[in-house]
Amino acid sequence: IAPAIEDADFIAAARALLPAEPWNQTTWAEWTNLLKTQTNRKGRALYH
């Protein structure tokens, strides 16, 4: 698929924080919690 990049700087930070595999059902929460701490984003601004 062709991704849609809405906020390039935020997405670059998210890519840098991608956890190592293996991934499971808890990976999303672990990753977004790290992003929340580093960027102070939450809600739609974080997830969308």
ModelCIF file with pLDDT and N, C-alpha, C, O atoms, coordinates in Angstrom:
data_MODEL
#
_entry.id   MODEL 
#
_entity.id                         1 
_entity.type                       polymer 
_entity.pdbx_number_of_molecules   1 
#
_entity_poly.entity_id                      1 
_entity_poly.type                           'polypeptide(L)' 
_entity_poly.nstd_linkage                   no 
_entity_poly.nstd_monomer                   no 
_entity_poly.pdbx_seq_one_letter_code       IAPAIEDADFIAAARALLPAEPWNQTTWAEWTNLLKTQTNRKGRALYH 
_entity_poly.pdbx_seq_one_letter_code_can   IAPAIEDADFIAAARALLPAEPWNQTTWAEWTNLLKTQTNRKGRALYH 
_entity_poly.pdbx_strand_id                 A 
#
loop_
_entity_poly_seq.entity_id 
_entity_poly_seq.num 
_entity_poly_seq.mon_id 
_entity_poly_seq.hetero 
1 1  ILE n 
1 2  ALA n 
1 3  PRO n 
1 4  ALA n 
1 5  ILE n 
1 6  GLU n 
1 7  ASP n 
1 8  ALA n 
1 9  ASP n 
1 10 PHE n 
1 11 ILE n 
1 12 ALA n 
1 13 ALA n 
1 14 ALA n 
1 15 ARG n 
1 16 ALA n 
1 17 LEU n 
1 18 LEU n 
1 19 PRO n 
1 20 ALA n 
1 21 GLU n 
1 22 PRO n 
1 23 TRP n 
1 24 ASN n 
1 25 GLN n 
1 26 THR n 
1 27 THR n 
1 28 TRP n 
1 29 ALA n 
1 30 GLU n 
1 31 TRP n 
1 32 THR n 
1 33 ASN n 
1 34 LEU n 
1 35 LEU n 
1 36 LYS n 
1 37 THR n 
1 38 GLN n 
1 39 THR n 
1 40 ASN n 
1 41 ARG n 
1 42 LYS n 
1 43 GLY n 
1 44 ARG n 
1 45 ALA n 
1 46 LEU n 
1 47 TYR n 
1 48 HIS n 
#
_struct_asym.id          A 
_struct_asym.entity_id   1 
#
loop_
_ma_qa_metric.id 
_ma_qa_metric.mode 
_ma_qa_metric.name 
_ma_qa_metric.software_group_id 
_ma_qa_metric.type 
1 global pLDDT . pLDDT 
2 local  pLDDT . pLDDT 
#
_ma_qa_metric_global.metric_id      1 
_ma_qa_metric_global.metric_value   94.73 
_ma_qa_metric_global.model_id       1 
_ma_qa_metric_global.ordinal_id     1 
#
loop_
_ma_qa_metric_local.label_asym_id 
_ma_qa_metric_local.label_comp_id 
_ma_qa_metric_local.label_seq_id 
_ma_qa_metric_local.metric_id 
_ma_qa_metric_local.metric_value 
_ma_qa_metric_local.model_id 
_ma_qa_metric_local.ordinal_id 
A ILE 1  2 93.00 1 1  
A ALA 2  2 92.00 1 2  
A PRO 3  2 92.00 1 3  
A ALA 4  2 94.00 1 4  
A ILE 5  2 94.00 1 5  
A GLU 6  2 89.00 1 6  
A ASP 7  2 91.00 1 7  
A ALA 8  2 94.00 1 8  
A ASP 9  2 94.00 1 9  
A PHE 10 2 95.00 1 10 
A ILE 11 2 96.00 1 11 
A ALA 12 2 95.00 1 12 
A ALA 13 2 95.00 1 13 
A ALA 14 2 96.00 1 14 
A ARG 15 2 96.00 1 15 
A ALA 16 2 96.00 1 16 
A LEU 17 2 96.00 1 17 
A LEU 18 2 96.00 1 18 
A PRO 19 2 95.00 1 19 
A ALA 20 2 95.00 1 20 
A GLU 21 2 94.00 1 21 
A PRO 22 2 95.00 1 22 
A TRP 23 2 96.00 1 23 
A ASN 24 2 95.00 1 24 
A GLN 25 2 93.00 1 25 
A THR 26 2 96.00 1 26 
A THR 27 2 97.00 1 27 
A TRP 28 2 97.00 1 28 
A ALA 29 2 97.00 1 29 
A GLU 30 2 96.00 1 30 
A TRP 31 2 97.00 1 31 
A THR 32 2 97.00 1 32 
A ASN 33 2 96.00 1 33 
A LEU 34 2 95.00 1 34 
A LEU 35 2 96.00 1 35 
A LYS 36 2 95.00 1 36 
A THR 37 2 94.00 1 37 
A GLN 38 2 93.00 1 38 
A THR 39 2 93.00 1 39 
A ASN 40 2 93.00 1 40 
A ARG 41 2 93.00 1 41 
A LYS 42 2 93.00 1 42 
A GLY 43 2 95.00 1 43 
A ARG 44 2 95.00 1 44 
A ALA 45 2 95.00 1 45 
A LEU 46 2 95.00 1 46 
A TYR 47 2 96.00 1 47 
A HIS 48 2 96.00 1 48 
#
loop_
_atom_site.group_PDB 
_atom_site.id 
_atom_site.type_symbol 
_atom_site.label_atom_id 
_atom_site.label_alt_id 
_atom_site.label_comp_id 
_atom_site.label_asym_id 
_atom_site.label_entity_id 
_atom_site.label_seq_id 
_atom_site.pdbx_PDB_ins_code 
_atom_site.Cartn_x 
_atom_site.Cartn_y 
_atom_site.Cartn_z 
_atom_site.occupancy 
_atom_site.B_iso_or_equiv 
_atom_site.pdbx_formal_charge 
_atom_site.auth_seq_id 
_atom_site.auth_comp_id 
_atom_site.auth_asym_id 
_atom_site.auth_atom_id 
_atom_site.pdbx_PDB_model_num 
ATOM 1   N N  . ILE A 1 1  ? 0.843  -1.200  0.000  1.00 93.00 ? 1  ILE A N  1 
ATOM 2   C CA . ILE A 1 1  ? 0.000  0.000   0.000  1.00 93.00 ? 1  ILE A CA 1 
ATOM 3   C C  . ILE A 1 1  ? 0.871  1.240   0.000  1.00 93.00 ? 1  ILE A C  1 
ATOM 4   O O  . ILE A 1 1  ? 2.034  1.198   0.400  1.00 93.00 ? 1  ILE A O  1 
ATOM 5   N N  . ALA A 1 2  ? 0.303  2.332   -0.448 1.00 92.00 ? 2  ALA A N  1 
ATOM 6   C CA . ALA A 1 2  ? 0.996  3.623   -0.412 1.00 92.00 ? 2  ALA A CA 1 
ATOM 7   C C  . ALA A 1 2  ? 0.648  4.310   0.904  1.00 92.00 ? 2  ALA A C  1 
ATOM 8   O O  . ALA A 1 2  ? -0.525 4.598   1.141  1.00 92.00 ? 2  ALA A O  1 
ATOM 9   N N  . PRO A 1 3  ? 1.627  4.584   1.771  1.00 92.00 ? 3  PRO A N  1 
ATOM 10  C CA . PRO A 1 3  ? 1.316  5.216   3.050  1.00 92.00 ? 3  PRO A CA 1 
ATOM 11  C C  . PRO A 1 3  ? 0.940  6.690   2.863  1.00 92.00 ? 3  PRO A C  1 
ATOM 12  O O  . PRO A 1 3  ? 1.288  7.312   1.860  1.00 92.00 ? 3  PRO A O  1 
ATOM 13  N N  . ALA A 1 4  ? 0.241  7.215   3.823  1.00 94.00 ? 4  ALA A N  1 
ATOM 14  C CA . ALA A 1 4  ? -0.116 8.636   3.831  1.00 94.00 ? 4  ALA A CA 1 
ATOM 15  C C  . ALA A 1 4  ? 0.609  9.275   5.011  1.00 94.00 ? 4  ALA A C  1 
ATOM 16  O O  . ALA A 1 4  ? 0.288  8.989   6.164  1.00 94.00 ? 4  ALA A O  1 
ATOM 17  N N  . ILE A 1 5  ? 1.587  10.139  4.729  1.00 94.00 ? 5  ILE A N  1 
ATOM 18  C CA . ILE A 1 5  ? 2.385  10.766  5.786  1.00 94.00 ? 5  ILE A CA 1 
ATOM 19  C C  . ILE A 1 5  ? 1.781  12.126  6.112  1.00 94.00 ? 5  ILE A C  1 
ATOM 20  O O  . ILE A 1 5  ? 1.840  13.051  5.302  1.00 94.00 ? 5  ILE A O  1 
ATOM 21  N N  . GLU A 1 6  ? 1.209  12.237  7.288  1.00 89.00 ? 6  GLU A N  1 
ATOM 22  C CA . GLU A 1 6  ? 0.527  13.466  7.690  1.00 89.00 ? 6  GLU A CA 1 
ATOM 23  C C  . GLU A 1 6  ? 1.477  14.437  8.402  1.00 89.00 ? 6  GLU A C  1 
ATOM 24  O O  . GLU A 1 6  ? 1.324  15.650  8.258  1.00 89.00 ? 6  GLU A O  1 
ATOM 25  N N  . ASP A 1 7  ? 2.453  13.932  9.165  1.00 91.00 ? 7  ASP A N  1 
ATOM 26  C CA . ASP A 1 7  ? 3.368  14.755  9.946  1.00 91.00 ? 7  ASP A CA 1 
ATOM 27  C C  . ASP A 1 7  ? 4.731  14.085  9.884  1.00 91.00 ? 7  ASP A C  1 
ATOM 28  O O  . ASP A 1 7  ? 5.017  13.167  10.653 1.00 91.00 ? 7  ASP A O  1 
ATOM 29  N N  . ALA A 1 8  ? 5.557  14.541  8.978  1.00 94.00 ? 8  ALA A N  1 
ATOM 30  C CA . ALA A 1 8  ? 6.807  13.847  8.670  1.00 94.00 ? 8  ALA A CA 1 
ATOM 31  C C  . ALA A 1 8  ? 7.729  13.751  9.877  1.00 94.00 ? 8  ALA A C  1 
ATOM 32  O O  . ALA A 1 8  ? 8.335  12.701  10.096 1.00 94.00 ? 8  ALA A O  1 
ATOM 33  N N  . ASP A 1 9  ? 7.856  14.826  10.674 1.00 94.00 ? 9  ASP A N  1 
ATOM 34  C CA . ASP A 1 9  ? 8.770  14.798  11.816 1.00 94.00 ? 9  ASP A CA 1 
ATOM 35  C C  . ASP A 1 9  ? 8.293  13.789  12.865 1.00 94.00 ? 9  ASP A C  1 
ATOM 36  O O  . ASP A 1 9  ? 9.087  13.033  13.423 1.00 94.00 ? 9  ASP A O  1 
ATOM 37  N N  . PHE A 1 10 ? 6.976  13.793  13.123 1.00 95.00 ? 10 PHE A N  1 
ATOM 38  C CA . PHE A 1 10 ? 6.443  12.851  14.107 1.00 95.00 ? 10 PHE A CA 1 
ATOM 39  C C  . PHE A 1 10 ? 6.605  11.409  13.630 1.00 95.00 ? 10 PHE A C  1 
ATOM 40  O O  . PHE A 1 10 ? 6.966  10.530  14.412 1.00 95.00 ? 10 PHE A O  1 
ATOM 41  N N  . ILE A 1 11 ? 6.338  11.170  12.347 1.00 96.00 ? 11 ILE A N  1 
ATOM 42  C CA . ILE A 1 11 ? 6.462  9.820   11.812 1.00 96.00 ? 11 ILE A CA 1 
ATOM 43  C C  . ILE A 1 11 ? 7.921  9.361   11.829 1.00 96.00 ? 11 ILE A C  1 
ATOM 44  O O  . ILE A 1 11 ? 8.188  8.180   12.052 1.00 96.00 ? 11 ILE A O  1 
ATOM 45  N N  . ALA A 1 12 ? 8.875  10.282  11.596 1.00 95.00 ? 12 ALA A N  1 
ATOM 46  C CA . ALA A 1 12 ? 10.290 9.919   11.679 1.00 95.00 ? 12 ALA A CA 1 
ATOM 47  C C  . ALA A 1 12 ? 10.656 9.508   13.103 1.00 95.00 ? 12 ALA A C  1 
ATOM 48  O O  . ALA A 1 12 ? 11.404 8.551   13.304 1.00 95.00 ? 12 ALA A O  1 
ATOM 49  N N  . ALA A 1 13 ? 10.129 10.229  14.084 1.00 95.00 ? 13 ALA A N  1 
ATOM 50  C CA . ALA A 1 13 ? 10.374 9.873   15.483 1.00 95.00 ? 13 ALA A CA 1 
ATOM 51  C C  . ALA A 1 13 ? 9.756  8.515   15.803 1.00 95.00 ? 13 ALA A C  1 
ATOM 52  O O  . ALA A 1 13 ? 10.345 7.716   16.531 1.00 95.00 ? 13 ALA A O  1 
ATOM 53  N N  . ALA A 1 14 ? 8.573  8.258   15.261 1.00 96.00 ? 14 ALA A N  1 
ATOM 54  C CA . ALA A 1 14 ? 7.915  6.973   15.486 1.00 96.00 ? 14 ALA A CA 1 
ATOM 55  C C  . ALA A 1 14 ? 8.722  5.841   14.891 1.00 96.00 ? 14 ALA A C  1 
ATOM 56  O O  . ALA A 1 14 ? 8.837  4.770   15.486 1.00 96.00 ? 14 ALA A O  1 
ATOM 57  N N  . ARG A 1 15 ? 9.290  6.081   13.699 1.00 96.00 ? 15 ARG A N  1 
ATOM 58  C CA . ARG A 1 15 ? 10.088 5.031   13.053 1.00 96.00 ? 15 ARG A CA 1 
ATOM 59  C C  . ARG A 1 15 ? 11.335 4.712   13.888 1.00 96.00 ? 15 ARG A C  1 
ATOM 60  O O  . ARG A 1 15 ? 11.732 3.554   14.014 1.00 96.00 ? 15 ARG A O  1 
ATOM 61  N N  . ALA A 1 16 ? 11.935 5.748   14.446 1.00 96.00 ? 16 ALA A N  1 
ATOM 62  C CA . ALA A 1 16 ? 13.141 5.546   15.247 1.00 96.00 ? 16 ALA A CA 1 
ATOM 63  C C  . ALA A 1 16 ? 12.863 4.750   16.514 1.00 96.00 ? 16 ALA A C  1 
ATOM 64  O O  . ALA A 1 16 ? 13.761 4.098   17.047 1.00 96.00 ? 16 ALA A O  1 
ATOM 65  N N  . LEU A 1 17 ? 11.632 4.798   16.998 1.00 96.00 ? 17 LEU A N  1 
ATOM 66  C CA . LEU A 1 17 ? 11.277 4.104   18.241 1.00 96.00 ? 17 LEU A CA 1 
ATOM 67  C C  . LEU A 1 17 ? 10.621 2.742   18.017 1.00 96.00 ? 17 LEU A C  1 
ATOM 68  O O  . LEU A 1 17 ? 10.179 2.100   18.970 1.00 96.00 ? 17 LEU A O  1 
ATOM 69  N N  . LEU A 1 18 ? 10.557 2.300   16.757 1.00 96.00 ? 18 LEU A N  1 
ATOM 70  C CA . LEU A 1 18 ? 9.948  0.990   16.483 1.00 96.00 ? 18 LEU A CA 1 
ATOM 71  C C  . LEU A 1 18 ? 10.629 -0.098  17.307 1.00 96.00 ? 18 LEU A C  1 
ATOM 72  O O  . LEU A 1 18 ? 11.853 -0.222  17.262 1.00 96.00 ? 18 LEU A O  1 
ATOM 73  N N  . PRO A 1 19 ? 9.873  -0.880  18.051 1.00 95.00 ? 19 PRO A N  1 
ATOM 74  C CA . PRO A 1 19 ? 10.473 -1.948  18.859 1.00 95.00 ? 19 PRO A CA 1 
ATOM 75  C C  . PRO A 1 19 ? 11.046 -3.059  17.970 1.00 95.00 ? 19 PRO A C  1 
ATOM 76  O O  . PRO A 1 19 ? 10.653 -3.226  16.815 1.00 95.00 ? 19 PRO A O  1 
ATOM 77  N N  . ALA A 1 20 ? 11.955 -3.785  18.529 1.00 95.00 ? 20 ALA A N  1 
ATOM 78  C CA . ALA A 1 20 ? 12.478 -4.965  17.836 1.00 95.00 ? 20 ALA A CA 1 
ATOM 79  C C  . ALA A 1 20 ? 11.432 -6.078  17.861 1.00 95.00 ? 20 ALA A C  1 
ATOM 80  O O  . ALA A 1 20 ? 10.590 -6.136  18.756 1.00 95.00 ? 20 ALA A O  1 
ATOM 81  N N  . GLU A 1 21 ? 11.501 -6.953  16.869 1.00 94.00 ? 21 GLU A N  1 
ATOM 82  C CA . GLU A 1 21 ? 10.621 -8.124  16.871 1.00 94.00 ? 21 GLU A CA 1 
ATOM 83  C C  . GLU A 1 21 ? 11.174 -9.179  17.819 1.00 94.00 ? 21 GLU A C  1 
ATOM 84  O O  . GLU A 1 21 ? 12.359 -9.118  18.148 1.00 94.00 ? 21 GLU A O  1 
ATOM 85  N N  . PRO A 1 22 ? 10.387 -10.136 18.272 1.00 95.00 ? 22 PRO A N  1 
ATOM 86  C CA . PRO A 1 22 ? 9.013  -10.466 17.824 1.00 95.00 ? 22 PRO A CA 1 
ATOM 87  C C  . PRO A 1 22 ? 7.971  -9.493  18.377 1.00 95.00 ? 22 PRO A C  1 
ATOM 88  O O  . PRO A 1 22 ? 8.110  -8.926  19.461 1.00 95.00 ? 22 PRO A O  1 
ATOM 89  N N  . TRP A 1 23 ? 6.898  -9.328  17.552 1.00 96.00 ? 23 TRP A N  1 
ATOM 90  C CA . TRP A 1 23 ? 5.796  -8.458  17.924 1.00 96.00 ? 23 TRP A CA 1 
ATOM 91  C C  . TRP A 1 23 ? 4.585  -9.296  18.333 1.00 96.00 ? 23 TRP A C  1 
ATOM 92  O O  . TRP A 1 23 ? 4.370  -10.402 17.837 1.00 96.00 ? 23 TRP A O  1 
ATOM 93  N N  . ASN A 1 24 ? 3.798  -8.729  19.258 1.00 95.00 ? 24 ASN A N  1 
ATOM 94  C CA . ASN A 1 24 ? 2.563  -9.391  19.670 1.00 95.00 ? 24 ASN A CA 1 
ATOM 95  C C  . ASN A 1 24 ? 1.508  -8.323  19.972 1.00 95.00 ? 24 ASN A C  1 
ATOM 96  O O  . ASN A 1 24 ? 1.666  -7.160  19.601 1.00 95.00 ? 24 ASN A O  1 
ATOM 97  N N  . GLN A 1 25 ? 0.451  -8.725  20.637 1.00 93.00 ? 25 GLN A N  1 
ATOM 98  C CA . GLN A 1 25 ? -0.669 -7.817  20.882 1.00 93.00 ? 25 GLN A CA 1 
ATOM 99  C C  . GLN A 1 25 ? -0.298 -6.647  21.807 1.00 93.00 ? 25 GLN A C  1 
ATOM 100 O O  . GLN A 1 25 ? -1.027 -5.657  21.860 1.00 93.00 ? 25 GLN A O  1 
ATOM 101 N N  . THR A 1 26 ? 0.809  -6.746  22.524 1.00 96.00 ? 26 THR A N  1 
ATOM 102 C CA . THR A 1 26 ? 1.204  -5.658  23.435 1.00 96.00 ? 26 THR A CA 1 
ATOM 103 C C  . THR A 1 26 ? 2.152  -4.665  22.779 1.00 96.00 ? 26 THR A C  1 
ATOM 104 O O  . THR A 1 26 ? 2.439  -3.615  23.355 1.00 96.00 ? 26 THR A O  1 
ATOM 105 N N  . THR A 1 27 ? 2.643  -4.980  21.585 1.00 97.00 ? 27 THR A N  1 
ATOM 106 C CA . THR A 1 27 ? 3.652  -4.142  20.940 1.00 97.00 ? 27 THR A CA 1 
ATOM 107 C C  . THR A 1 27 ? 3.133  -2.731  20.678 1.00 97.00 ? 27 THR A C  1 
ATOM 108 O O  . THR A 1 27 ? 3.843  -1.750  20.903 1.00 97.00 ? 27 THR A O  1 
ATOM 109 N N  . TRP A 1 28 ? 1.899  -2.635  20.204 1.00 97.00 ? 28 TRP A N  1 
ATOM 110 C CA . TRP A 1 28 ? 1.315  -1.321  19.893 1.00 97.00 ? 28 TRP A CA 1 
ATOM 111 C C  . TRP A 1 28 ? 1.300  -0.423  21.125 1.00 97.00 ? 28 TRP A C  1 
ATOM 112 O O  . TRP A 1 28 ? 1.691  0.741   21.041 1.00 97.00 ? 28 TRP A O  1 
ATOM 113 N N  . ALA A 1 29 ? 0.861  -0.939  22.254 1.00 97.00 ? 29 ALA A N  1 
ATOM 114 C CA . ALA A 1 29 ? 0.795  -0.130  23.473 1.00 97.00 ? 29 ALA A CA 1 
ATOM 115 C C  . ALA A 1 29 ? 2.189  0.279   23.928 1.00 97.00 ? 29 ALA A C  1 
ATOM 116 O O  . ALA A 1 29 ? 2.390  1.418   24.347 1.00 97.00 ? 29 ALA A O  1 
ATOM 117 N N  . GLU A 1 30 ? 3.166  -0.645  23.851 1.00 96.00 ? 30 GLU A N  1 
ATOM 118 C CA . GLU A 1 30 ? 4.525  -0.327  24.268 1.00 96.00 ? 30 GLU A CA 1 
ATOM 119 C C  . GLU A 1 30 ? 5.121  0.785   23.393 1.00 96.00 ? 30 GLU A C  1 
ATOM 120 O O  . GLU A 1 30 ? 5.758  1.715   23.887 1.00 96.00 ? 30 GLU A O  1 
ATOM 121 N N  . TRP A 1 31 ? 4.896  0.659   22.097 1.00 97.00 ? 31 TRP A N  1 
ATOM 122 C CA . TRP A 1 31 ? 5.448  1.638   21.141 1.00 97.00 ? 31 TRP A CA 1 
ATOM 123 C C  . TRP A 1 31 ? 4.804  3.010   21.330 1.00 97.00 ? 31 TRP A C  1 
ATOM 124 O O  . TRP A 1 31 ? 5.508  4.017   21.410 1.00 97.00 ? 31 TRP A O  1 
ATOM 125 N N  . THR A 1 32 ? 3.504  3.058   21.400 1.00 97.00 ? 32 THR A N  1 
ATOM 126 C CA . THR A 1 32 ? 2.817  4.356   21.509 1.00 97.00 ? 32 THR A CA 1 
ATOM 127 C C  . THR A 1 32 ? 3.041  5.000   22.870 1.00 97.00 ? 32 THR A C  1 
ATOM 128 O O  . THR A 1 32 ? 3.015  6.226   22.983 1.00 97.00 ? 32 THR A O  1 
ATOM 129 N N  . ASN A 1 33 ? 3.261  4.197   23.899 1.00 96.00 ? 33 ASN A N  1 
ATOM 130 C CA . ASN A 1 33 ? 3.593  4.790   25.201 1.00 96.00 ? 33 ASN A CA 1 
ATOM 131 C C  . ASN A 1 33 ? 4.955  5.486   25.156 1.00 96.00 ? 33 ASN A C  1 
ATOM 132 O O  . ASN A 1 33 ? 5.125  6.555   25.742 1.00 96.00 ? 33 ASN A O  1 
ATOM 133 N N  . LEU A 1 34 ? 5.927  4.880   24.461 1.00 95.00 ? 34 LEU A N  1 
ATOM 134 C CA . LEU A 1 34 ? 7.224  5.520   24.275 1.00 95.00 ? 34 LEU A CA 1 
ATOM 135 C C  . LEU A 1 34 ? 7.075  6.829   23.502 1.00 95.00 ? 34 LEU A C  1 
ATOM 136 O O  . LEU A 1 34 ? 7.667  7.849   23.855 1.00 95.00 ? 34 LEU A O  1 
ATOM 137 N N  . LEU A 1 35 ? 6.263  6.776   22.433 1.00 96.00 ? 35 LEU A N  1 
ATOM 138 C CA . LEU A 1 35 ? 6.034  7.975   21.627 1.00 96.00 ? 35 LEU A CA 1 
ATOM 139 C C  . LEU A 1 35 ? 5.358  9.065   22.437 1.00 96.00 ? 35 LEU A C  1 
ATOM 140 O O  . LEU A 1 35 ? 5.701  10.240  22.306 1.00 96.00 ? 35 LEU A O  1 
ATOM 141 N N  . LYS A 1 36 ? 4.411  8.692   23.266 1.00 95.00 ? 36 LYS A N  1 
ATOM 142 C CA . LYS A 1 36 ? 3.687  9.657   24.099 1.00 95.00 ? 36 LYS A CA 1 
ATOM 143 C C  . LYS A 1 36 ? 4.667  10.368  25.051 1.00 95.00 ? 36 LYS A C  1 
ATOM 144 O O  . LYS A 1 36 ? 4.596  11.581  25.249 1.00 95.00 ? 36 LYS A O  1 
ATOM 145 N N  . THR A 1 37 ? 5.560  9.593   25.619 1.00 94.00 ? 37 THR A N  1 
ATOM 146 C CA . THR A 1 37 ? 6.532  10.167  26.557 1.00 94.00 ? 37 THR A CA 1 
ATOM 147 C C  . THR A 1 37 ? 7.492  11.119  25.838 1.00 94.00 ? 37 THR A C  1 
ATOM 148 O O  . THR A 1 37 ? 7.815  12.187  26.358 1.00 94.00 ? 37 THR A O  1 
ATOM 149 N N  . GLN A 1 38 ? 7.949  10.728  24.636 1.00 93.00 ? 38 GLN A N  1 
ATOM 150 C CA . GLN A 1 38 ? 8.944  11.534  23.938 1.00 93.00 ? 38 GLN A CA 1 
ATOM 151 C C  . GLN A 1 38 ? 8.350  12.773  23.286 1.00 93.00 ? 38 GLN A C  1 
ATOM 152 O O  . GLN A 1 38 ? 9.004  13.814  23.234 1.00 93.00 ? 38 GLN A O  1 
ATOM 153 N N  . THR A 1 39 ? 7.116  12.679  22.786 1.00 93.00 ? 39 THR A N  1 
ATOM 154 C CA . THR A 1 39 ? 6.540  13.779  21.995 1.00 93.00 ? 39 THR A CA 1 
ATOM 155 C C  . THR A 1 39 ? 5.464  14.559  22.736 1.00 93.00 ? 39 THR A C  1 
ATOM 156 O O  . THR A 1 39 ? 5.041  15.620  22.275 1.00 93.00 ? 39 THR A O  1 
ATOM 157 N N  . ASN A 1 40 ? 5.017  14.048  23.875 1.00 93.00 ? 40 ASN A N  1 
ATOM 158 C CA . ASN A 1 40 ? 3.919  14.670  24.631 1.00 93.00 ? 40 ASN A CA 1 
ATOM 159 C C  . ASN A 1 40 ? 2.604  14.691  23.850 1.00 93.00 ? 40 ASN A C  1 
ATOM 160 O O  . ASN A 1 40 ? 1.705  15.474  24.158 1.00 93.00 ? 40 ASN A O  1 
ATOM 161 N N  . ARG A 1 41 ? 2.500  13.842  22.857 1.00 93.00 ? 41 ARG A N  1 
ATOM 162 C CA . ARG A 1 41 ? 1.234  13.746  22.104 1.00 93.00 ? 41 ARG A CA 1 
ATOM 163 C C  . ARG A 1 41 ? 0.324  12.713  22.771 1.00 93.00 ? 41 ARG A C  1 
ATOM 164 O O  . ARG A 1 41 ? 0.776  11.800  23.462 1.00 93.00 ? 41 ARG A O  1 
ATOM 165 N N  . LYS A 1 42 ? -0.964 12.894  22.536 1.00 93.00 ? 42 LYS A N  1 
ATOM 166 C CA . LYS A 1 42 ? -1.928 11.913  22.999 1.00 93.00 ? 42 LYS A CA 1 
ATOM 167 C C  . LYS A 1 42 ? -3.183 11.984  22.129 1.00 93.00 ? 42 LYS A C  1 
ATOM 168 O O  . LYS A 1 42 ? -3.333 12.898  21.317 1.00 93.00 ? 42 LYS A O  1 
ATOM 169 N N  . GLY A 1 43 ? -4.081 11.016  22.304 1.00 95.00 ? 43 GLY A N  1 
ATOM 170 C CA . GLY A 1 43 ? -5.343 10.996  21.559 1.00 95.00 ? 43 GLY A CA 1 
ATOM 171 C C  . GLY A 1 43 ? -5.125 10.956  20.064 1.00 95.00 ? 43 GLY A C  1 
ATOM 172 O O  . GLY A 1 43 ? -4.215 10.283  19.580 1.00 95.00 ? 43 GLY A O  1 
ATOM 173 N N  . ARG A 1 44 ? -5.951 11.668  19.335 1.00 95.00 ? 44 ARG A N  1 
ATOM 174 C CA . ARG A 1 44 ? -5.920 11.649  17.866 1.00 95.00 ? 44 ARG A CA 1 
ATOM 175 C C  . ARG A 1 44 ? -4.573 12.125  17.326 1.00 95.00 ? 44 ARG A C  1 
ATOM 176 O O  . ARG A 1 44 ? -4.084 11.598  16.326 1.00 95.00 ? 44 ARG A O  1 
ATOM 177 N N  . ALA A 1 45 ? -3.988 13.092  17.964 1.00 95.00 ? 45 ALA A N  1 
ATOM 178 C CA . ALA A 1 45 ? -2.709 13.623  17.478 1.00 95.00 ? 45 ALA A CA 1 
ATOM 179 C C  . ALA A 1 45 ? -1.624 12.559  17.514 1.00 95.00 ? 45 ALA A C  1 
ATOM 180 O O  . ALA A 1 45 ? -0.690 12.591  16.713 1.00 95.00 ? 45 ALA A O  1 
ATOM 181 N N  . LEU A 1 46 ? -1.746 11.617  18.441 1.00 95.00 ? 46 LEU A N  1 
ATOM 182 C CA . LEU A 1 46 ? -0.781 10.527  18.542 1.00 95.00 ? 46 LEU A CA 1 
ATOM 183 C C  . LEU A 1 46 ? -1.107 9.394   17.580 1.00 95.00 ? 46 LEU A C  1 
ATOM 184 O O  . LEU A 1 46 ? -0.235 8.903   16.863 1.00 95.00 ? 46 LEU A O  1 
ATOM 185 N N  . TYR A 1 47 ? -2.357 8.988   17.572 1.00 96.00 ? 47 TYR A N  1 
ATOM 186 C CA . TYR A 1 47 ? -2.723 7.744   16.875 1.00 96.00 ? 47 TYR A CA 1 
ATOM 187 C C  . TYR A 1 47 ? -3.056 7.917   15.391 1.00 96.00 ? 47 TYR A C  1 
ATOM 188 O O  . TYR A 1 47 ? -2.740 7.041   14.586 1.00 96.00 ? 47 TYR A O  1 
ATOM 189 N N  . HIS A 1 48 ? -3.681 9.021   15.023 1.00 96.00 ? 48 HIS A N  1 
ATOM 190 C CA . HIS A 1 48 ? -4.161 9.159   13.651 1.00 96.00 ? 48 HIS A CA 1 
ATOM 191 C C  . HIS A 1 48 ? -3.035 9.174   12.620 1.00 96.00 ? 48 HIS A C  1 
ATOM 192 O O  . HIS A 1 48 ? -3.296 9.285   11.422 1.00 96.00 ? 48 HIS A O  1 
#
